[in-house]
Amino acid sequence: MKEKLRSMTAIAVMGVILHISKEVIAFLPNIELVSLLTILFTLVFGRKVFGALGIFVLLQGISYGFGTWWLSYLYIWPLLAVLTYLFRWIKPAWGWALFSGLFGLAFGALCSLIYLFIASPTYAFSYFLSGIKFDLLHCGGNFLLAFLLFKRLKSVLEMIEKRLHSSNY
């Protein structure tokens, strides 16, 4: 029971951290820590990341409304977690920085997929094209943040994970 409570608390805290991290630097266009944190949470906490992403997506919807953009969040962030799991063999920080940057570059294309179903292929393509300049910023921001913060944040999260599972906690 105690382990289950710790696990649920960790999931809730991770979800709130994702939400807060996005809010803190929201003044910077398409620069966010959510991608890096999702990658790190997946690498360190495994499947718990999906619960955290659920909380994050719900908090984003409550904060900004449950619009069309929100529907894309239902698949984009879990997709990042799955891709991270598949590429977990990457070790160097620059490798994860490149991975995160590529995800930022693909973000607009991933967001436009929803419009294939609710609008038309033409609309989806125009949505994608209109956001390329933002995807380039997203790519650069994701790369830079991961390059600068990956090692340190991973160490901190691994220490937290170890404490969560120690018998003294």
C-alpha atoms as a PDB file:
ATOM      1  CA  MET A   1       0.000   0.000   0.000  1.00  0.00           C
ATOM      2  CA  LYS A   2       2.803   2.394   0.920  1.00  0.00           C
ATOM      3  CA  GLU A   3       4.616   1.665  -2.363  1.00  0.00           C
ATOM      4  CA  LYS A   4       1.411   2.278  -4.340  1.00  0.00           C
ATOM      5  CA  LEU A   5       0.888   5.622  -2.601  1.00  0.00           C
ATOM      6  CA  ARG A   6       4.494   6.652  -3.344  1.00  0.00           C
ATOM      7  CA  SER A   7       4.015   5.678  -6.977  1.00  0.00           C
ATOM      8  CA  MET A   8       0.767   7.653  -7.313  1.00  0.00           C
ATOM      9  CA  THR A   9       2.353  10.655  -5.622  1.00  0.00           C
ATOM     10  CA  ALA A  10       5.358  10.501  -7.951  1.00  0.00           C
ATOM     11  CA  ILE A  11       3.050  10.376 -10.979  1.00  0.00           C
ATOM     12  CA  ALA A  12       1.039  13.374  -9.745  1.00  0.00           C
ATOM     13  CA  VAL A  13       4.166  15.396  -8.973  1.00  0.00           C
ATOM     14  CA  MET A  14       5.645  14.638 -12.404  1.00  0.00           C
ATOM     15  CA  GLY A  15       2.412  15.746 -14.102  1.00  0.00           C
ATOM     16  CA  VAL A  16       2.355  18.996 -12.175  1.00  0.00           C
ATOM     17  CA  ILE A  17       6.060  19.592 -12.882  1.00  0.00           C
ATOM     18  CA  LEU A  18       5.382  19.196 -16.609  1.00  0.00           C
ATOM     19  CA  HIS A  19       2.549  21.733 -16.405  1.00  0.00           C
ATOM     20  CA  ILE A  20       4.492  24.241 -14.291  1.00  0.00           C
ATOM     21  CA  SER A  21       7.612  23.945 -16.442  1.00  0.00           C
ATOM     22  CA  LYS A  22       5.547  24.907 -19.469  1.00  0.00           C
ATOM     23  CA  GLU A  23       3.966  27.859 -17.691  1.00  0.00           C
ATOM     24  CA  VAL A  24       7.215  29.251 -16.298  1.00  0.00           C
ATOM     25  CA  ILE A  25       8.786  29.829 -19.704  1.00  0.00           C
ATOM     26  CA  ALA A  26       5.586  30.290 -21.722  1.00  0.00           C
ATOM     27  CA  PHE A  27       6.712  33.821 -22.635  1.00  0.00           C
ATOM     28  CA  LEU A  28       9.341  32.276 -24.936  1.00  0.00           C
ATOM     29  CA  PRO A  29       7.746  31.205 -28.225  1.00  0.00           C
ATOM     30  CA  ASN A  30       7.921  27.425 -28.696  1.00  0.00           C
ATOM     31  CA  ILE A  31      10.614  26.976 -26.063  1.00  0.00           C
ATOM     32  CA  GLU A  32       9.563  24.433 -23.448  1.00  0.00           C
ATOM     33  CA  LEU A  33      10.954  21.901 -21.009  1.00  0.00           C
ATOM     34  CA  VAL A  34       8.119  19.403 -21.450  1.00  0.00           C
ATOM     35  CA  SER A  35       9.951  17.456 -24.160  1.00  0.00           C
ATOM     36  CA  LEU A  36      13.137  17.115 -22.118  1.00  0.00           C
ATOM     37  CA  LEU A  37      11.248  16.251 -18.945  1.00  0.00           C
ATOM     38  CA  THR A  38       9.122  13.674 -20.770  1.00  0.00           C
ATOM     39  CA  ILE A  39      12.288  12.053 -22.107  1.00  0.00           C
ATOM     40  CA  LEU A  40      13.902  12.047 -18.659  1.00  0.00           C
ATOM     41  CA  PHE A  41      10.787  10.845 -16.846  1.00  0.00           C
ATOM     42  CA  THR A  42      10.499   7.977 -19.342  1.00  0.00           C
ATOM     43  CA  LEU A  43      14.143   6.985 -18.936  1.00  0.00           C
ATOM     44  CA  VAL A  44      14.107   7.164 -15.125  1.00  0.00           C
ATOM     45  CA  PHE A  45      10.539   6.307 -14.104  1.00  0.00           C
ATOM     46  CA  GLY A  46       9.406   4.101 -17.002  1.00  0.00           C
ATOM     47  CA  ARG A  47       5.661   3.531 -17.441  1.00  0.00           C
ATOM     48  CA  LYS A  48       4.782   6.027 -14.729  1.00  0.00           C
ATOM     49  CA  VAL A  49       5.364   8.721 -17.324  1.00  0.00           C
ATOM     50  CA  PHE A  50       2.009   7.914 -18.963  1.00  0.00           C
ATOM     51  CA  GLY A  51       0.115   8.809 -15.792  1.00  0.00           C
ATOM     52  CA  ALA A  52       2.137  12.007 -15.494  1.00  0.00           C
ATOM     53  CA  LEU A  53       1.396  12.874 -19.120  1.00  0.00           C
ATOM     54  CA  GLY A  54      -2.308  12.292 -18.508  1.00  0.00           C
ATOM     55  CA  ILE A  55      -2.240  14.766 -15.626  1.00  0.00           C
ATOM     56  CA  PHE A  56      -0.224  17.258 -17.690  1.00  0.00           C
ATOM     57  CA  VAL A  57      -2.611  17.078 -20.660  1.00  0.00           C
ATOM     58  CA  LEU A  58      -5.628  17.440 -18.371  1.00  0.00           C
ATOM     59  CA  LEU A  59      -4.084  20.486 -16.646  1.00  0.00           C
ATOM     60  CA  GLN A  60      -3.313  22.041 -20.034  1.00  0.00           C
ATOM     61  CA  GLY A  61      -6.930  21.552 -21.095  1.00  0.00           C
ATOM     62  CA  ILE A  62      -8.245  23.053 -17.867  1.00  0.00           C
ATOM     63  CA  SER A  63      -5.861  26.022 -18.219  1.00  0.00           C
ATOM     64  CA  TYR A  64      -6.324  26.782 -21.908  1.00  0.00           C
ATOM     65  CA  GLY A  65      -9.532  25.055 -22.932  1.00  0.00           C
ATOM     66  CA  PHE A  66     -10.155  21.728 -24.569  1.00  0.00           C
ATOM     67  CA  GLY A  67      -9.745  22.903 -28.154  1.00  0.00           C
ATOM     68  CA  THR A  68      -8.482  21.148 -31.236  1.00  0.00           C
ATOM     69  CA  TRP A  69      -4.867  21.716 -30.217  1.00  0.00           C
ATOM     70  CA  TRP A  70      -5.601  19.769 -27.032  1.00  0.00           C
ATOM     71  CA  LEU A  71      -6.648  16.685 -29.003  1.00  0.00           C
ATOM     72  CA  SER A  72      -3.177  16.526 -30.519  1.00  0.00           C
ATOM     73  CA  TYR A  73      -1.664  16.523 -27.024  1.00  0.00           C
ATOM     74  CA  LEU A  74      -3.491  13.243 -26.383  1.00  0.00           C
ATOM     75  CA  TYR A  75      -1.177  11.469 -28.832  1.00  0.00           C
ATOM     76  CA  ILE A  76       1.901  13.691 -29.196  1.00  0.00           C
ATOM     77  CA  TRP A  77       3.258  13.387 -25.653  1.00  0.00           C
ATOM     78  CA  PRO A  78       2.614   9.643 -25.277  1.00  0.00           C
ATOM     79  CA  LEU A  79       4.285   9.198 -28.674  1.00  0.00           C
ATOM     80  CA  LEU A  80       7.385  10.970 -27.348  1.00  0.00           C
ATOM     81  CA  ALA A  81       7.439   8.617 -24.353  1.00  0.00           C
ATOM     82  CA  VAL A  82       7.134   5.547 -26.595  1.00  0.00           C
ATOM     83  CA  LEU A  83       9.874   6.800 -28.933  1.00  0.00           C
ATOM     84  CA  THR A  84      12.089   7.537 -25.939  1.00  0.00           C
ATOM     85  CA  TYR A  85      11.582   4.004 -24.687  1.00  0.00           C
ATOM     86  CA  LEU A  86      12.457   2.592 -28.112  1.00  0.00           C
ATOM     87  CA  PHE A  87      15.624   4.709 -28.285  1.00  0.00           C
ATOM     88  CA  ARG A  88      16.612   4.241 -24.628  1.00  0.00           C
ATOM     89  CA  TRP A  89      19.933   2.784 -25.799  1.00  0.00           C
ATOM     90  CA  ILE A  90      21.124   6.346 -26.591  1.00  0.00           C
ATOM     91  CA  LYS A  91      23.640   7.279 -23.885  1.00  0.00           C
ATOM     92  CA  PRO A  92      25.327  10.648 -24.544  1.00  0.00           C
ATOM     93  CA  ALA A  93      23.548  13.897 -23.703  1.00  0.00           C
ATOM     94  CA  TRP A  94      24.149  15.224 -27.220  1.00  0.00           C
ATOM     95  CA  GLY A  95      22.278  12.183 -28.583  1.00  0.00           C
ATOM     96  CA  TRP A  96      19.241  13.037 -26.467  1.00  0.00           C
ATOM     97  CA  ALA A  97      19.635  16.702 -27.432  1.00  0.00           C
ATOM     98  CA  LEU A  98      19.473  15.691 -31.090  1.00  0.00           C
ATOM     99  CA  PHE A  99      16.491  13.402 -30.388  1.00  0.00           C
ATOM    100  CA  SER A 100      14.668  16.207 -28.534  1.00  0.00           C
ATOM    101  CA  GLY A 101      15.481  18.703 -31.278  1.00  0.00           C
ATOM    102  CA  LEU A 102      14.102  16.398 -33.965  1.00  0.00           C
ATOM    103  CA  PHE A 103      10.939  15.958 -31.937  1.00  0.00           C
ATOM    104  CA  GLY A 104      10.582  19.757 -31.763  1.00  0.00           C
ATOM    105  CA  LEU A 105      11.047  19.957 -35.508  1.00  0.00           C
ATOM    106  CA  ALA A 106       8.337  17.339 -36.055  1.00  0.00           C
ATOM    107  CA  PHE A 107       5.921  18.903 -33.555  1.00  0.00           C
ATOM    108  CA  GLY A 108       3.939  20.935 -36.094  1.00  0.00           C
ATOM    109  CA  ALA A 109       3.613  17.964 -38.427  1.00  0.00           C
ATOM    110  CA  LEU A 110       2.360  15.859 -35.526  1.00  0.00           C
ATOM    111  CA  CYS A 111      -0.121  18.565 -34.512  1.00  0.00           C
ATOM    112  CA  SER A 112      -1.418  18.835 -38.071  1.00  0.00           C
ATOM    113  CA  LEU A 113      -2.399  15.149 -38.166  1.00  0.00           C
ATOM    114  CA  ILE A 114      -5.587  15.847 -36.227  1.00  0.00           C
ATOM    115  CA  TYR A 115      -6.757  18.116 -39.051  1.00  0.00           C
ATOM    116  CA  LEU A 116      -6.662  15.209 -41.489  1.00  0.00           C
ATOM    117  CA  PHE A 117      -9.640  13.819 -39.577  1.00  0.00           C
ATOM    118  CA  ILE A 118     -11.553  16.930 -38.558  1.00  0.00           C
ATOM    119  CA  ALA A 119     -10.892  19.137 -41.606  1.00  0.00           C
ATOM    120  CA  SER A 120      -9.083  18.085 -44.787  1.00  0.00           C
ATOM    121  CA  PRO A 121      -5.625  17.109 -46.035  1.00  0.00           C
ATOM    122  CA  THR A 122      -5.280  20.590 -47.560  1.00  0.00           C
ATOM    123  CA  TYR A 123      -6.035  22.225 -44.226  1.00  0.00           C
ATOM    124  CA  ALA A 124      -3.642  19.887 -42.411  1.00  0.00           C
ATOM    125  CA  PHE A 125      -0.867  20.692 -44.883  1.00  0.00           C
ATOM    126  CA  SER A 126      -1.444  24.456 -44.692  1.00  0.00           C
ATOM    127  CA  TYR A 127      -1.481  24.226 -40.876  1.00  0.00           C
ATOM    128  CA  PHE A 128       1.859  22.431 -41.012  1.00  0.00           C
ATOM    129  CA  LEU A 129       3.390  24.933 -43.475  1.00  0.00           C
ATOM    130  CA  SER A 130       2.258  27.965 -41.490  1.00  0.00           C
ATOM    131  CA  GLY A 131       4.012  26.645 -38.382  1.00  0.00           C
ATOM    132  CA  ILE A 132       7.424  25.718 -39.818  1.00  0.00           C
ATOM    133  CA  LYS A 133       9.135  28.819 -38.399  1.00  0.00           C
ATOM    134  CA  PHE A 134       7.821  27.863 -34.939  1.00  0.00           C
ATOM    135  CA  ASP A 135       8.987  24.275 -35.404  1.00  0.00           C
ATOM    136  CA  LEU A 136      12.490  25.559 -36.138  1.00  0.00           C
ATOM    137  CA  LEU A 137      12.431  27.512 -32.861  1.00  0.00           C
ATOM    138  CA  HIS A 138      11.062  24.452 -31.096  1.00  0.00           C
ATOM    139  CA  CYS A 139      13.850  22.332 -32.570  1.00  0.00           C
ATOM    140  CA  GLY A 140      16.586  24.743 -31.503  1.00  0.00           C
ATOM    141  CA  GLY A 141      15.122  25.256 -28.039  1.00  0.00           C
ATOM    142  CA  ASN A 142      14.684  21.537 -27.422  1.00  0.00           C
ATOM    143  CA  PHE A 143      18.215  20.804 -28.600  1.00  0.00           C
ATOM    144  CA  LEU A 144      19.792  23.537 -26.483  1.00  0.00           C
ATOM    145  CA  LEU A 145      17.837  22.748 -23.304  1.00  0.00           C
ATOM    146  CA  ALA A 146      18.570  19.019 -23.575  1.00  0.00           C
ATOM    147  CA  PHE A 147      22.226  19.643 -24.368  1.00  0.00           C
ATOM    148  CA  LEU A 148      22.646  21.909 -21.343  1.00  0.00           C
ATOM    149  CA  LEU A 149      20.387  20.180 -18.790  1.00  0.00           C
ATOM    150  CA  PHE A 150      20.135  16.473 -19.645  1.00  0.00           C
ATOM    151  CA  LYS A 151      23.000  15.074 -17.537  1.00  0.00           C
ATOM    152  CA  ARG A 152      22.288  17.100 -14.424  1.00  0.00           C
ATOM    153  CA  LEU A 153      18.531  16.594 -14.431  1.00  0.00           C
ATOM    154  CA  LYS A 154      18.946  12.877 -15.103  1.00  0.00           C
ATOM    155  CA  SER A 155      21.272  12.571 -12.105  1.00  0.00           C
ATOM    156  CA  VAL A 156      18.787  14.367  -9.864  1.00  0.00           C
ATOM    157  CA  LEU A 157      15.872  12.244 -11.075  1.00  0.00           C
ATOM    158  CA  GLU A 158      17.832   9.010 -10.623  1.00  0.00           C
ATOM    159  CA  MET A 159      18.628  10.058  -7.063  1.00  0.00           C
ATOM    160  CA  ILE A 160      14.930  10.752  -6.419  1.00  0.00           C
ATOM    161  CA  GLU A 161      13.943   7.400  -7.935  1.00  0.00           C
ATOM    162  CA  LYS A 162      16.481   5.615  -5.736  1.00  0.00           C
ATOM    163  CA  ARG A 163      15.106   7.342  -2.628  1.00  0.00           C
ATOM    164  CA  LEU A 164      11.537   6.448  -3.581  1.00  0.00           C
ATOM    165  CA  HIS A 165      12.484   2.782  -3.610  1.00  0.00           C
ATOM    166  CA  SER A 166      14.749   2.761  -0.584  1.00  0.00           C
ATOM    167  CA  SER A 167      13.399   1.276   2.616  1.00  0.00           C
ATOM    168  CA  ASN A 168      14.380   4.388   4.580  1.00  0.00           C
ATOM    169  CA  TYR A 169      11.972   6.684   2.724  1.00  0.00           C
END
